Amino acid sequence: MLRTATVAIVLSTSVIGCADSPERHEQQAATTNQVKVADHIDYEAEASSDTQSGVYDPFEGINRSVWHLNYNILDPYVVRPVSLAYVDYVPVPVRSGLANFLANLEEPASMVNSLIMLNPENAAIHFNRFWFNTVFGLGGLIDIATAADIRSPGQREFGDSLGYHGVGNGPYFMVPMYGPITLREGAGDIVDGLYFPLNLLTFWQSAGKWALEGMEKRAALVPQEAILEDSPDPYLFTRDAYIQHKNFRASNGAPLDTQEQEPDFSDEFLDEIDDY
């Protein structure tokens, strides 16, 4: 649920041959994301050195209770069936168009955050994608930019920008119907909402955007459910993968230290579990 309760699939084949189809992406994700993520998490080490790993979970008892509500009740009885019904019965061109449109709204925020993270090249790509898709892609319904080989370098949020400049994640929270979030990310989401054109959305429009993106992401997580179920501690697994991914994004994709590291999780899987 979890922000799973909603909550990138980037959609594959196109509305008019230029936008990608969700089904194709799901097939690719199922193939490329078959990585034993649990093998890369040292649960005992994480439990004994949370502060060293960047995890600050002072409300773990409450968070675990909310996790139980989300994972064992809301997700199987509400979020999962609704999400699967959405991807099964809504025509692919409609889903692709909606996903492309919503993703296009975030390009300006990613542009500004890329500049804050001292990455002008990515900022230029986000700028070009936004005006190209807005002007030639029917307001963003069609991902003309990707068809023109202007590929997204990945969304960047203000929370990532704060982390890049040394601001810690802060306390970790598990929110009912929303999923994991940190203080840094929550503050970053508020700032991102002030950027054009996201600042033009009403409360209900923002809620609709969140729900549509969430259903796509929840449906894409179905092939990964076994990994979560097989982990020794699903709560700890989700928390640590989430924090590791946030740290990776805040580093602008650079290694977080100079020591030899375990192989990274699949980027696509981390983007999906990000909101789980």
Protein backbone atom coordinates (compact mmCIF):
# COMPACT_ATOMS: atom_id res chain seq x y z
CA MET A 1 0.00 0.00 0.00
CA LEU A 2 2.03 1.92 0.69
CA ARG A 3 2.39 4.76 -1.08
CA THR A 4 1.74 1.41 -2.17
CA ALA A 5 -1.61 2.24 -1.29
CA THR A 6 -1.03 3.73 -4.18
CA VAL A 7 1.83 4.23 -5.46
CA ALA A 8 6.14 4.59 -11.89
CA ILE A 9 5.79 2.48 -14.11
CA VAL A 10 7.16 4.21 -17.06
CA LEU A 11 4.85 3.00 -19.74
CA SER A 12 6.00 1.25 -22.84
CA THR A 13 4.28 0.94 -26.73
CA SER A 14 2.34 4.03 -27.51
CA VAL A 15 -0.64 6.09 -27.79
CA ILE A 16 -0.05 6.74 -31.44
CA GLY A 17 3.15 4.77 -31.40
CA CYS A 18 5.07 7.20 -29.22
CA ALA A 19 4.04 6.32 -25.68
CA ASP A 20 5.10 3.12 -23.93
CA SER A 21 2.68 0.41 -22.81
CA PRO A 22 2.31 -0.54 -19.12
CA GLU A 23 2.06 -4.23 -20.01
CA ARG A 24 5.37 -4.24 -21.81
CA HIS A 25 7.06 -2.53 -18.90
CA GLU A 26 5.60 -5.03 -16.46
CA GLN A 27 7.00 -7.90 -18.54
CA GLN A 28 10.43 -6.27 -18.61
CA ALA A 29 10.29 -5.57 -14.88
CA ALA A 30 9.37 -9.15 -14.16
CA THR A 31 12.44 -10.27 -16.11
CA THR A 32 15.04 -7.72 -15.03
CA ASN A 33 14.01 -7.42 -11.41
CA GLN A 34 14.37 -11.09 -10.49
CA VAL A 35 17.17 -10.23 -8.11
CA LYS A 36 17.41 -11.73 -4.66
CA VAL A 37 17.17 -8.39 -2.92
CA ALA A 38 16.92 -10.07 0.47
CA ASP A 39 20.40 -11.51 -0.09
CA HIS A 40 21.84 -7.99 -0.06
CA ILE A 41 20.43 -6.97 3.31
CA ASP A 42 22.28 -7.95 6.47
CA TYR A 43 19.38 -7.83 8.89
CA GLU A 44 21.44 -8.37 12.02
CA ALA A 45 23.94 -5.70 11.01
CA GLU A 46 21.17 -3.28 10.13
CA ALA A 47 19.40 -3.88 13.42
CA SER A 48 22.57 -3.26 15.42
CA SER A 49 23.77 -0.20 13.52
CA ASP A 50 20.73 1.66 12.27
CA THR A 51 22.27 5.08 12.78
CA GLN A 52 25.37 4.11 10.83
CA SER A 53 23.23 2.89 7.92
CA GLY A 54 21.29 6.15 7.82
CA VAL A 55 18.13 4.60 9.31
CA TYR A 56 16.51 6.51 12.18
CA ASP A 57 13.37 4.69 13.27
CA PRO A 58 12.45 6.03 16.73
CA PHE A 59 8.80 5.04 16.32
CA GLU A 60 9.40 1.46 15.21
CA GLY A 61 6.70 0.02 17.45
CA ILE A 62 4.02 2.30 16.01
CA ASN A 63 5.43 1.91 12.50
CA ARG A 64 5.19 -1.86 12.72
CA SER A 65 1.55 -1.60 13.75
CA VAL A 66 0.81 0.63 10.76
CA TRP A 67 2.79 -1.76 8.55
CA HIS A 68 0.54 -4.60 9.71
CA LEU A 69 -2.54 -2.52 8.86
CA ASN A 70 -1.20 -1.61 5.43
CA TYR A 71 0.39 -4.93 4.47
CA ASN A 72 -2.01 -7.46 5.95
CA ILE A 73 -5.35 -5.66 5.70
CA LEU A 74 -5.55 -2.64 3.40
CA ASP A 75 -3.30 -3.96 0.67
CA PRO A 76 -4.75 -7.46 0.09
CA TYR A 77 -8.38 -6.39 0.51
CA VAL A 78 -8.40 -2.94 -1.08
CA VAL A 79 -5.29 -1.68 -2.84
CA ARG A 80 -4.15 -4.81 -4.66
CA PRO A 81 -7.54 -5.80 -6.15
CA VAL A 82 -8.36 -2.20 -7.12
CA SER A 83 -4.96 -1.75 -8.75
CA LEU A 84 -5.21 -5.00 -10.71
CA ALA A 85 -8.73 -4.13 -11.83
CA TYR A 86 -7.44 -0.77 -13.08
CA VAL A 87 -4.63 -2.25 -15.18
CA ASP A 88 -6.80 -5.13 -16.40
CA TYR A 89 -9.84 -3.17 -17.52
CA VAL A 90 -8.67 0.34 -18.42
CA PRO A 91 -7.48 0.40 -22.06
CA VAL A 92 -3.72 0.63 -22.48
CA PRO A 93 -3.83 3.86 -24.54
CA VAL A 94 -5.80 5.56 -21.77
CA ARG A 95 -3.43 4.37 -19.06
CA SER A 96 -0.38 5.31 -21.11
CA GLY A 97 -1.73 8.76 -21.86
CA LEU A 98 -2.58 9.43 -18.21
CA ALA A 99 0.81 8.17 -17.00
CA ASN A 100 2.67 10.27 -19.56
CA PHE A 101 0.64 13.36 -18.69
CA LEU A 102 1.20 13.00 -14.95
CA ALA A 103 4.92 12.33 -15.37
CA ASN A 104 5.23 15.41 -17.57
CA LEU A 105 3.89 17.60 -14.74
CA GLU A 106 6.94 16.66 -12.66
CA GLU A 107 9.60 17.56 -15.23
CA PRO A 108 9.98 21.23 -14.13
CA ALA A 109 10.45 20.18 -10.49
CA SER A 110 13.06 17.64 -11.57
CA MET A 111 14.77 20.35 -13.61
CA VAL A 112 15.05 22.70 -10.60
CA ASN A 113 16.19 19.92 -8.29
CA SER A 114 18.82 18.79 -10.80
CA LEU A 115 20.20 22.33 -10.80
CA ILE A 116 20.27 22.35 -6.99
CA MET A 117 22.16 19.05 -7.17
CA LEU A 118 24.69 20.72 -9.51
CA ASN A 119 23.71 18.64 -12.52
CA PRO A 120 22.91 21.14 -15.31
CA GLU A 121 23.00 18.43 -17.97
CA ASN A 122 20.09 16.55 -16.42
CA ALA A 123 18.31 19.85 -15.79
CA ALA A 124 18.52 20.64 -19.51
CA ILE A 125 17.12 17.19 -20.36
CA HIS A 126 14.14 17.68 -18.04
CA PHE A 127 13.51 21.14 -19.53
CA ASN A 128 13.64 19.80 -23.09
CA ARG A 129 11.38 16.87 -22.24
CA PHE A 130 8.80 19.17 -20.69
CA TRP A 131 8.46 21.67 -23.52
CA PHE A 132 8.79 18.98 -26.21
CA ASN A 133 6.07 16.75 -24.76
CA THR A 134 3.85 19.69 -23.83
CA VAL A 135 3.99 21.28 -27.28
CA PHE A 136 4.21 18.24 -29.55
CA GLY A 137 2.79 15.52 -27.29
CA LEU A 138 -0.69 16.94 -26.76
CA GLY A 139 0.11 18.46 -23.39
CA GLY A 140 2.19 15.46 -22.34
CA LEU A 141 -0.26 12.69 -23.22
CA ILE A 142 2.26 11.28 -25.69
CA ASP A 143 5.91 10.82 -24.74
CA ILE A 144 7.32 12.32 -27.91
CA ALA A 145 10.59 13.17 -26.15
CA THR A 146 11.50 9.54 -25.47
CA ALA A 147 10.61 8.65 -29.06
CA ALA A 148 13.02 11.42 -30.10
CA ASP A 149 15.70 9.82 -27.87
CA ILE A 150 15.43 12.50 -25.17
CA ARG A 151 15.24 9.97 -22.36
CA SER A 152 14.45 10.87 -18.79
CA PRO A 153 17.46 10.69 -16.44
CA GLY A 154 15.03 9.94 -13.61
CA GLN A 155 12.82 12.08 -11.41
CA ARG A 156 14.56 14.26 -8.85
CA GLU A 157 12.76 15.59 -5.79
CA PHE A 158 13.62 18.35 -3.35
CA GLY A 159 14.21 15.70 -0.70
CA ASP A 160 16.98 14.35 -2.94
CA SER A 161 18.42 17.85 -3.21
CA LEU A 162 18.46 18.24 0.57
CA GLY A 163 20.21 14.89 0.94
CA TYR A 164 22.76 15.82 -1.72
CA HIS A 165 23.77 18.81 0.40
CA GLY A 166 24.11 16.78 3.58
CA VAL A 167 20.66 16.92 5.19
CA GLY A 168 19.86 13.59 6.82
CA ASN A 169 16.73 11.54 6.24
CA GLY A 170 15.39 12.32 9.70
CA PRO A 171 12.83 10.06 11.43
CA TYR A 172 11.27 7.26 9.43
CA PHE A 173 7.48 6.95 9.46
CA MET A 174 5.02 4.37 8.15
CA VAL A 175 1.82 6.19 7.27
CA PRO A 176 -1.59 4.46 6.91
CA MET A 177 -2.67 4.18 3.26
CA TYR A 178 0.54 5.94 2.20
CA GLY A 179 3.49 3.86 3.25
CA PRO A 180 7.07 4.81 4.14
CA ILE A 181 8.27 8.38 4.34
CA THR A 182 11.01 10.31 6.11
CA LEU A 183 10.94 13.81 7.50
CA ARG A 184 13.28 14.97 4.72
CA GLU A 185 11.10 13.52 1.99
CA GLY A 186 7.92 14.91 3.51
CA ALA A 187 9.37 18.41 3.60
CA GLY A 188 10.68 17.93 0.07
CA ASP A 189 7.25 16.91 -1.22
CA ILE A 190 5.78 20.15 0.12
CA VAL A 191 8.40 22.21 -1.72
CA ASP A 192 7.97 20.23 -4.95
CA GLY A 193 4.26 21.01 -4.82
CA LEU A 194 5.11 24.69 -5.10
CA TYR A 195 6.74 24.31 -8.52
CA PHE A 196 4.84 24.98 -11.74
CA PRO A 197 2.71 23.25 -12.95
CA LEU A 198 2.20 21.10 -9.84
CA ASN A 199 1.18 24.23 -7.94
CA LEU A 200 -1.84 24.59 -10.24
CA LEU A 201 -3.37 21.30 -9.06
CA THR A 202 -6.20 21.41 -6.54
CA PHE A 203 -6.21 19.07 -3.56
CA TRP A 204 -8.48 16.59 -5.34
CA GLN A 205 -6.47 16.73 -8.53
CA SER A 206 -3.30 15.99 -6.56
CA ALA A 207 -5.08 13.12 -4.82
CA GLY A 208 -6.18 11.74 -8.18
CA LYS A 209 -2.62 11.95 -9.50
CA TRP A 210 -1.34 10.12 -6.43
CA ALA A 211 -3.99 7.40 -6.75
CA LEU A 212 -3.45 6.76 -10.48
CA GLU A 213 0.31 6.57 -10.09
CA GLY A 214 -0.15 4.36 -7.05
CA MET A 215 -2.34 1.83 -8.85
CA GLU A 216 0.18 1.48 -11.66
CA LYS A 217 3.04 0.99 -9.23
CA ARG A 218 1.14 -1.45 -7.03
CA ALA A 219 0.24 -3.58 -10.04
CA ALA A 220 3.88 -3.56 -11.15
CA LEU A 221 4.92 -4.92 -7.75
CA VAL A 222 2.97 -8.17 -8.15
CA PRO A 223 5.95 -10.10 -9.62
CA GLN A 224 8.05 -8.98 -6.61
CA GLU A 225 5.63 -10.10 -3.90
CA ALA A 226 7.46 -13.39 -3.35
CA ILE A 227 10.69 -11.54 -2.55
CA LEU A 228 8.97 -9.57 0.19
CA GLU A 229 7.13 -12.60 1.55
CA ASP A 230 10.35 -14.67 1.67
CA SER A 231 12.30 -12.03 3.59
CA PRO A 232 12.98 -12.75 7.28
CA ASP A 233 11.36 -9.47 8.31
CA PRO A 234 9.21 -7.74 5.63
CA TYR A 235 9.01 -4.52 7.64
CA LEU A 236 12.79 -4.30 8.04
CA PHE A 237 13.31 -5.32 4.42
CA THR A 238 11.05 -2.54 3.13
CA ARG A 239 12.46 0.08 5.49
CA ASP A 240 16.11 -0.63 4.66
CA ALA A 241 15.56 -0.89 0.92
CA TYR A 242 13.63 2.37 1.02
CA ILE A 243 16.33 4.23 2.94
CA GLN A 244 19.11 2.78 0.78
CA HIS A 245 17.31 3.96 -2.33
CA LYS A 246 16.76 7.43 -0.90
CA ASN A 247 20.46 7.66 -0.03
CA PHE A 248 21.38 6.54 -3.54
CA ARG A 249 19.14 9.18 -5.10
CA ALA A 250 20.52 11.87 -2.81
CA SER A 251 24.03 10.97 -3.92
CA ASN A 252 22.98 11.70 -7.52
CA GLY A 253 23.72 8.09 -8.36
CA ALA A 254 27.27 8.16 -7.00
CA PRO A 255 28.58 5.59 -4.50
CA LEU A 256 27.86 6.64 -0.93
CA ASP A 257 31.36 5.66 0.24
CA THR A 258 34.64 4.47 -1.13
CA GLN A 259 34.39 0.96 0.27
CA GLU A 260 33.55 -1.96 -1.95
CA GLN A 261 29.79 -2.38 -1.93
CA GLU A 262 27.35 -5.17 -2.50
CA PRO A 263 25.65 -5.12 -5.92
CA ASP A 264 22.94 -2.47 -6.00
CA PHE A 265 19.28 -3.34 -6.16
CA SER A 266 17.65 -3.00 -9.56
CA ASP A 267 16.83 0.69 -10.10
CA GLU A 268 13.36 -0.20 -11.41
CA PHE A 269 12.62 -2.39 -8.40
CA LEU A 270 13.79 0.30 -5.99
CA ASP A 271 11.64 2.90 -7.71
CA GLU A 272 8.69 0.59 -7.23
CA ILE A 273 9.41 -0.39 -3.62
CA ASP A 274 10.08 3.30 -2.93
CA ASP A 275 6.35 3.74 -2.64
CA TYR A 276 5.55 0.41 -1.15
